[in-house]
């Protein structure tokens, strides 16, 4: 069985320094991932099955629209993602679509638990 890479940053890794390119020497700081703790397994699944990005890095400040393709019309993208989430999880995320991704995932998890 192939082991999937986690979409989480190692807790001790808060930043790194770019070593090449035009921004060489600049510091990149990662946003927190505390809100993902409760939904990290679902995050991997959601990224792969709904957003089509199984290897993406997400943080507490990530939004679904961060995964929108350049030039793609926002309303079309929104409808596609809402439909995919409904198909995969049986939950309508229309009301939380514009919330940070950890909130969306928590909403899905709560709705799925409530419906069982």
N, C-alpha and C. Protein backbone atom coordinates (compact mmCIF):
# COMPACT_ATOMS: atom_id res chain seq x y z
N UNK A 1 0.84 -1.17 0.00
CA UNK A 1 0.00 0.00 0.00
C UNK A 1 0.89 1.24 0.00
N UNK A 2 0.64 2.14 -0.90
CA UNK A 2 1.43 3.36 -1.01
C UNK A 2 1.05 4.33 0.11
N UNK A 3 2.05 4.81 0.82
CA UNK A 3 1.81 5.75 1.92
C UNK A 3 1.66 7.16 1.34
N UNK A 4 0.59 7.83 1.71
CA UNK A 4 0.36 9.20 1.24
C UNK A 4 1.10 10.18 2.13
N UNK A 5 1.64 11.20 1.50
CA UNK A 5 2.30 12.26 2.26
C UNK A 5 1.24 13.09 2.94
N UNK A 6 1.57 13.52 4.13
CA UNK A 6 0.64 14.36 4.88
C UNK A 6 0.65 15.78 4.33
N UNK A 7 -0.47 16.45 4.43
CA UNK A 7 -0.60 17.84 3.99
C UNK A 7 -0.29 18.79 5.14
N UNK A 8 0.31 18.26 6.18
CA UNK A 8 0.60 19.05 7.36
C UNK A 8 2.09 19.37 7.44
N UNK A 9 2.40 20.52 7.99
CA UNK A 9 3.77 20.94 8.20
C UNK A 9 4.24 20.32 9.51
N UNK A 10 5.49 19.89 9.57
CA UNK A 10 6.03 19.37 10.82
C UNK A 10 5.92 20.48 11.87
N UNK A 11 5.49 20.14 13.10
CA UNK A 11 5.29 21.17 14.12
C UNK A 11 6.51 22.05 14.36
N UNK A 12 7.69 21.47 14.25
CA UNK A 12 8.89 22.26 14.51
C UNK A 12 9.27 23.18 13.34
N UNK A 13 8.65 22.99 12.18
CA UNK A 13 8.97 23.80 11.01
C UNK A 13 8.00 24.98 10.91
N UNK A 14 8.46 26.15 11.29
CA UNK A 14 7.64 27.35 11.26
C UNK A 14 7.97 28.24 10.07
N UNK A 15 9.19 28.10 9.55
CA UNK A 15 9.62 28.92 8.42
C UNK A 15 10.79 28.24 7.73
N UNK A 16 11.14 28.71 6.54
CA UNK A 16 12.35 28.27 5.88
C UNK A 16 12.89 29.42 5.04
N UNK A 17 14.16 29.32 4.69
CA UNK A 17 14.82 30.36 3.91
C UNK A 17 14.98 29.86 2.48
N UNK A 18 14.57 30.65 1.51
CA UNK A 18 14.72 30.29 0.10
C UNK A 18 16.20 30.27 -0.25
N UNK A 19 16.63 29.23 -0.96
CA UNK A 19 18.06 29.06 -1.26
C UNK A 19 18.43 29.34 -2.70
N UNK A 20 17.44 29.64 -3.53
CA UNK A 20 17.75 29.94 -4.93
C UNK A 20 16.66 30.82 -5.52
N UNK A 21 16.91 31.30 -6.72
CA UNK A 21 15.93 32.12 -7.42
C UNK A 21 16.00 33.58 -7.02
N UNK A 22 15.09 34.37 -7.57
CA UNK A 22 15.13 35.82 -7.35
C UNK A 22 14.87 36.22 -5.89
N UNK A 23 14.28 35.35 -5.11
CA UNK A 23 13.99 35.66 -3.71
C UNK A 23 14.94 34.94 -2.75
N UNK A 24 16.10 34.52 -3.26
CA UNK A 24 17.10 33.82 -2.45
C UNK A 24 17.39 34.62 -1.18
N UNK A 25 17.40 33.92 -0.05
CA UNK A 25 17.67 34.55 1.23
C UNK A 25 16.43 35.06 1.95
N UNK A 26 15.32 35.12 1.27
CA UNK A 26 14.07 35.59 1.89
C UNK A 26 13.49 34.47 2.77
N UNK A 27 12.83 34.87 3.83
CA UNK A 27 12.23 33.92 4.76
C UNK A 27 10.75 33.73 4.41
N UNK A 28 10.34 32.46 4.34
CA UNK A 28 8.94 32.11 4.12
C UNK A 28 8.42 31.53 5.43
N UNK A 29 7.38 32.16 5.98
CA UNK A 29 6.81 31.71 7.24
C UNK A 29 5.47 31.02 6.97
N UNK A 30 5.28 29.86 7.58
CA UNK A 30 4.04 29.10 7.40
C UNK A 30 2.96 29.60 8.35
N UNK A 31 1.73 29.62 7.88
CA UNK A 31 0.59 29.93 8.73
C UNK A 31 0.33 28.74 9.66
N UNK A 32 -0.37 28.98 10.74
CA UNK A 32 -0.67 27.93 11.71
C UNK A 32 -1.53 26.83 11.10
N UNK A 33 -1.49 25.67 11.74
CA UNK A 33 -2.32 24.54 11.32
C UNK A 33 -3.08 23.93 12.50
N UNK A 34 -3.26 24.70 13.54
CA UNK A 34 -3.91 24.18 14.74
C UNK A 34 -5.35 23.72 14.51
N UNK A 35 -6.10 24.44 13.70
CA UNK A 35 -7.51 24.09 13.44
C UNK A 35 -7.65 22.81 12.63
N UNK A 36 -6.59 22.40 11.97
CA UNK A 36 -6.64 21.19 11.14
C UNK A 36 -6.50 19.92 11.96
N UNK A 37 -6.07 20.04 13.21
CA UNK A 37 -5.84 18.87 14.04
C UNK A 37 -7.02 17.92 14.13
N UNK A 38 -8.21 18.48 14.22
CA UNK A 38 -9.41 17.66 14.39
C UNK A 38 -9.92 17.06 13.09
N UNK A 39 -9.45 17.60 11.97
CA UNK A 39 -9.98 17.17 10.68
C UNK A 39 -8.87 16.79 9.69
N UNK A 40 -7.68 16.47 10.18
CA UNK A 40 -6.54 16.24 9.28
C UNK A 40 -6.76 15.06 8.33
N UNK A 41 -7.36 13.97 8.81
CA UNK A 41 -7.62 12.83 7.92
C UNK A 41 -8.63 13.21 6.84
N UNK A 42 -9.65 13.96 7.24
CA UNK A 42 -10.64 14.40 6.27
C UNK A 42 -10.02 15.38 5.28
N UNK A 43 -9.07 16.18 5.73
CA UNK A 43 -8.42 17.15 4.84
C UNK A 43 -7.76 16.45 3.66
N UNK A 44 -7.02 15.37 3.93
CA UNK A 44 -6.38 14.61 2.86
C UNK A 44 -7.41 14.08 1.87
N UNK A 45 -8.49 13.54 2.40
CA UNK A 45 -9.55 12.98 1.57
C UNK A 45 -10.24 14.07 0.74
N UNK A 46 -10.56 15.19 1.36
CA UNK A 46 -11.23 16.31 0.69
C UNK A 46 -10.34 16.89 -0.42
N UNK A 47 -9.07 17.06 -0.12
CA UNK A 47 -8.14 17.59 -1.13
C UNK A 47 -8.10 16.70 -2.36
N UNK A 48 -8.04 15.41 -2.14
CA UNK A 48 -7.94 14.47 -3.27
C UNK A 48 -9.27 14.31 -4.01
N UNK A 49 -10.34 14.03 -3.29
CA UNK A 49 -11.61 13.68 -3.92
C UNK A 49 -12.44 14.87 -4.39
N UNK A 50 -12.35 15.99 -3.69
CA UNK A 50 -13.19 17.14 -4.04
C UNK A 50 -12.41 18.20 -4.81
N UNK A 51 -11.22 18.51 -4.33
CA UNK A 51 -10.44 19.57 -4.99
C UNK A 51 -9.47 19.06 -6.05
N UNK A 52 -9.17 17.75 -6.03
CA UNK A 52 -8.26 17.18 -7.03
C UNK A 52 -6.81 17.56 -6.81
N UNK A 53 -6.43 17.83 -5.57
CA UNK A 53 -5.06 18.21 -5.22
C UNK A 53 -4.58 17.39 -4.02
N UNK A 54 -4.26 16.12 -4.20
CA UNK A 54 -3.89 15.28 -3.05
C UNK A 54 -2.57 15.66 -2.38
N UNK A 55 -1.73 16.40 -3.03
CA UNK A 55 -0.42 16.74 -2.48
C UNK A 55 -0.34 18.19 -2.00
N UNK A 56 -1.43 18.88 -1.85
CA UNK A 56 -1.43 20.30 -1.50
C UNK A 56 -1.15 20.53 -0.02
N UNK A 57 -0.52 21.64 0.27
CA UNK A 57 -0.29 22.07 1.64
C UNK A 57 -1.43 23.00 2.04
N UNK A 58 -2.03 22.74 3.20
CA UNK A 58 -3.09 23.62 3.67
C UNK A 58 -2.77 24.07 5.10
N UNK A 59 -3.32 25.23 5.45
CA UNK A 59 -3.14 25.80 6.79
C UNK A 59 -4.50 26.28 7.29
N UNK A 60 -4.48 26.88 8.48
CA UNK A 60 -5.72 27.44 9.04
C UNK A 60 -6.24 28.59 8.19
N UNK A 61 -5.39 29.15 7.35
CA UNK A 61 -5.76 30.29 6.51
C UNK A 61 -6.05 29.90 5.06
N UNK A 62 -6.16 28.60 4.78
CA UNK A 62 -6.47 28.14 3.43
C UNK A 62 -7.97 28.22 3.16
N UNK A 63 -8.29 28.52 1.92
CA UNK A 63 -9.69 28.59 1.47
C UNK A 63 -9.86 27.70 0.25
N UNK A 64 -11.07 27.25 0.01
CA UNK A 64 -11.35 26.43 -1.17
C UNK A 64 -10.93 27.18 -2.43
N UNK A 65 -11.18 28.48 -2.47
CA UNK A 65 -10.85 29.26 -3.67
C UNK A 65 -9.34 29.35 -3.93
N UNK A 66 -8.50 28.97 -2.96
CA UNK A 66 -7.05 28.91 -3.19
C UNK A 66 -6.72 27.87 -4.25
N UNK A 67 -7.64 26.94 -4.49
CA UNK A 67 -7.41 25.84 -5.43
C UNK A 67 -8.07 26.06 -6.78
N UNK A 68 -8.60 27.25 -6.95
CA UNK A 68 -9.24 27.62 -8.21
C UNK A 68 -8.17 27.81 -9.28
N UNK A 69 -8.41 27.28 -10.46
CA UNK A 69 -7.47 27.41 -11.56
C UNK A 69 -7.49 28.83 -12.11
N UNK A 70 -6.31 29.33 -12.48
CA UNK A 70 -6.24 30.68 -13.05
C UNK A 70 -7.19 30.80 -14.22
N UNK A 71 -7.96 31.86 -14.24
CA UNK A 71 -8.86 32.13 -15.35
C UNK A 71 -10.19 31.40 -15.28
N UNK A 72 -10.33 30.50 -14.31
CA UNK A 72 -11.59 29.77 -14.18
C UNK A 72 -12.63 30.71 -13.56
N UNK A 73 -13.80 30.68 -14.09
CA UNK A 73 -14.86 31.53 -13.56
C UNK A 73 -15.25 31.06 -12.16
N UNK A 74 -15.29 31.97 -11.23
CA UNK A 74 -15.53 31.66 -9.83
C UNK A 74 -16.86 30.95 -9.60
N UNK A 75 -17.94 31.39 -10.22
CA UNK A 75 -19.25 30.79 -9.98
C UNK A 75 -19.28 29.34 -10.48
N UNK A 76 -18.67 29.09 -11.62
CA UNK A 76 -18.61 27.72 -12.15
C UNK A 76 -17.81 26.81 -11.21
N UNK A 77 -16.67 27.30 -10.76
CA UNK A 77 -15.82 26.55 -9.83
C UNK A 77 -16.60 26.26 -8.54
N UNK A 78 -17.27 27.27 -8.02
CA UNK A 78 -18.04 27.12 -6.79
C UNK A 78 -19.09 26.02 -6.92
N UNK A 79 -19.85 26.05 -8.01
CA UNK A 79 -20.89 25.04 -8.23
C UNK A 79 -20.30 23.64 -8.35
N UNK A 80 -19.17 23.51 -9.05
CA UNK A 80 -18.52 22.20 -9.21
C UNK A 80 -18.08 21.63 -7.86
N UNK A 81 -17.45 22.46 -7.05
CA UNK A 81 -16.95 21.99 -5.75
C UNK A 81 -18.09 21.64 -4.81
N UNK A 82 -19.12 22.46 -4.79
CA UNK A 82 -20.28 22.17 -3.94
C UNK A 82 -20.92 20.85 -4.37
N UNK A 83 -21.04 20.63 -5.67
CA UNK A 83 -21.62 19.38 -6.19
C UNK A 83 -20.74 18.17 -5.84
N UNK A 84 -19.43 18.31 -5.99
CA UNK A 84 -18.51 17.20 -5.65
C UNK A 84 -18.58 16.86 -4.16
N UNK A 85 -18.61 17.88 -3.32
CA UNK A 85 -18.69 17.65 -1.87
C UNK A 85 -19.99 16.95 -1.51
N UNK A 86 -21.07 17.36 -2.16
CA UNK A 86 -22.38 16.73 -1.92
C UNK A 86 -22.35 15.26 -2.33
N UNK A 87 -21.72 14.98 -3.49
CA UNK A 87 -21.62 13.61 -4.00
C UNK A 87 -20.75 12.73 -3.09
N UNK A 88 -19.61 13.25 -2.68
CA UNK A 88 -18.66 12.47 -1.88
C UNK A 88 -19.11 12.31 -0.44
N UNK A 89 -19.60 13.39 0.18
CA UNK A 89 -19.92 13.37 1.62
C UNK A 89 -21.41 13.45 1.94
N UNK A 90 -22.23 13.76 0.93
CA UNK A 90 -23.66 13.90 1.19
C UNK A 90 -24.01 15.14 1.98
N UNK A 91 -23.14 16.17 1.89
CA UNK A 91 -23.34 17.40 2.65
C UNK A 91 -23.27 18.60 1.71
N UNK A 92 -24.22 19.51 1.87
CA UNK A 92 -24.23 20.74 1.07
C UNK A 92 -23.37 21.78 1.79
N UNK A 93 -22.28 22.21 1.15
CA UNK A 93 -21.37 23.17 1.77
C UNK A 93 -21.59 24.61 1.28
N UNK A 94 -22.71 24.86 0.64
CA UNK A 94 -23.00 26.20 0.10
C UNK A 94 -22.84 27.31 1.14
N UNK A 95 -23.33 27.08 2.34
CA UNK A 95 -23.31 28.12 3.37
C UNK A 95 -21.92 28.37 3.95
N UNK A 96 -21.00 27.43 3.80
CA UNK A 96 -19.66 27.59 4.39
C UNK A 96 -18.55 27.64 3.33
N UNK A 97 -18.93 27.66 2.07
CA UNK A 97 -17.96 27.63 0.97
C UNK A 97 -16.88 28.70 1.11
N UNK A 98 -17.25 29.90 1.55
CA UNK A 98 -16.31 31.02 1.65
C UNK A 98 -15.58 31.10 2.99
N UNK A 99 -15.79 30.13 3.84
CA UNK A 99 -15.11 30.08 5.14
C UNK A 99 -13.73 29.43 4.96
N UNK A 100 -12.83 29.59 5.94
CA UNK A 100 -11.54 28.89 5.87
C UNK A 100 -11.75 27.38 5.77
N UNK A 101 -10.86 26.71 5.07
CA UNK A 101 -11.00 25.27 4.82
C UNK A 101 -11.18 24.43 6.09
N UNK A 102 -10.46 24.70 7.18
CA UNK A 102 -10.71 23.91 8.39
C UNK A 102 -12.16 24.01 8.88
N UNK A 103 -12.77 25.18 8.74
CA UNK A 103 -14.19 25.35 9.13
C UNK A 103 -15.10 24.53 8.22
N UNK A 104 -14.79 24.53 6.92
CA UNK A 104 -15.58 23.75 5.96
C UNK A 104 -15.50 22.27 6.31
N UNK A 105 -14.29 21.80 6.59
CA UNK A 105 -14.10 20.38 6.92
C UNK A 105 -14.80 20.02 8.23
N UNK A 106 -14.73 20.88 9.21
CA UNK A 106 -15.43 20.64 10.47
C UNK A 106 -16.94 20.59 10.25
N UNK A 107 -17.45 21.48 9.41
CA UNK A 107 -18.88 21.51 9.06
C UNK A 107 -19.29 20.17 8.44
N UNK A 108 -18.51 19.68 7.49
CA UNK A 108 -18.81 18.40 6.84
C UNK A 108 -18.80 17.27 7.86
N UNK A 109 -17.77 17.25 8.68
CA UNK A 109 -17.63 16.20 9.69
C UNK A 109 -18.82 16.21 10.66
N UNK A 110 -19.22 17.39 11.09
CA UNK A 110 -20.35 17.53 12.01
C UNK A 110 -21.65 17.07 11.36
N UNK A 111 -21.90 17.50 10.13
CA UNK A 111 -23.13 17.11 9.42
C UNK A 111 -23.19 15.62 9.18
N UNK A 112 -22.06 15.03 8.83
CA UNK A 112 -22.03 13.58 8.59
C UNK A 112 -22.30 12.82 9.88
N UNK A 113 -21.77 13.29 10.98
CA UNK A 113 -21.96 12.65 12.29
C UNK A 113 -23.42 12.79 12.71
N UNK A 114 -24.00 13.98 12.50
CA UNK A 114 -25.39 14.22 12.87
C UNK A 114 -26.38 13.36 12.08
N UNK A 115 -26.02 13.03 10.86
CA UNK A 115 -26.95 12.28 10.00
C UNK A 115 -26.86 10.76 10.19
N UNK A 116 -25.91 10.33 10.99
CA UNK A 116 -25.77 8.87 11.21
C UNK A 116 -26.65 8.36 12.29
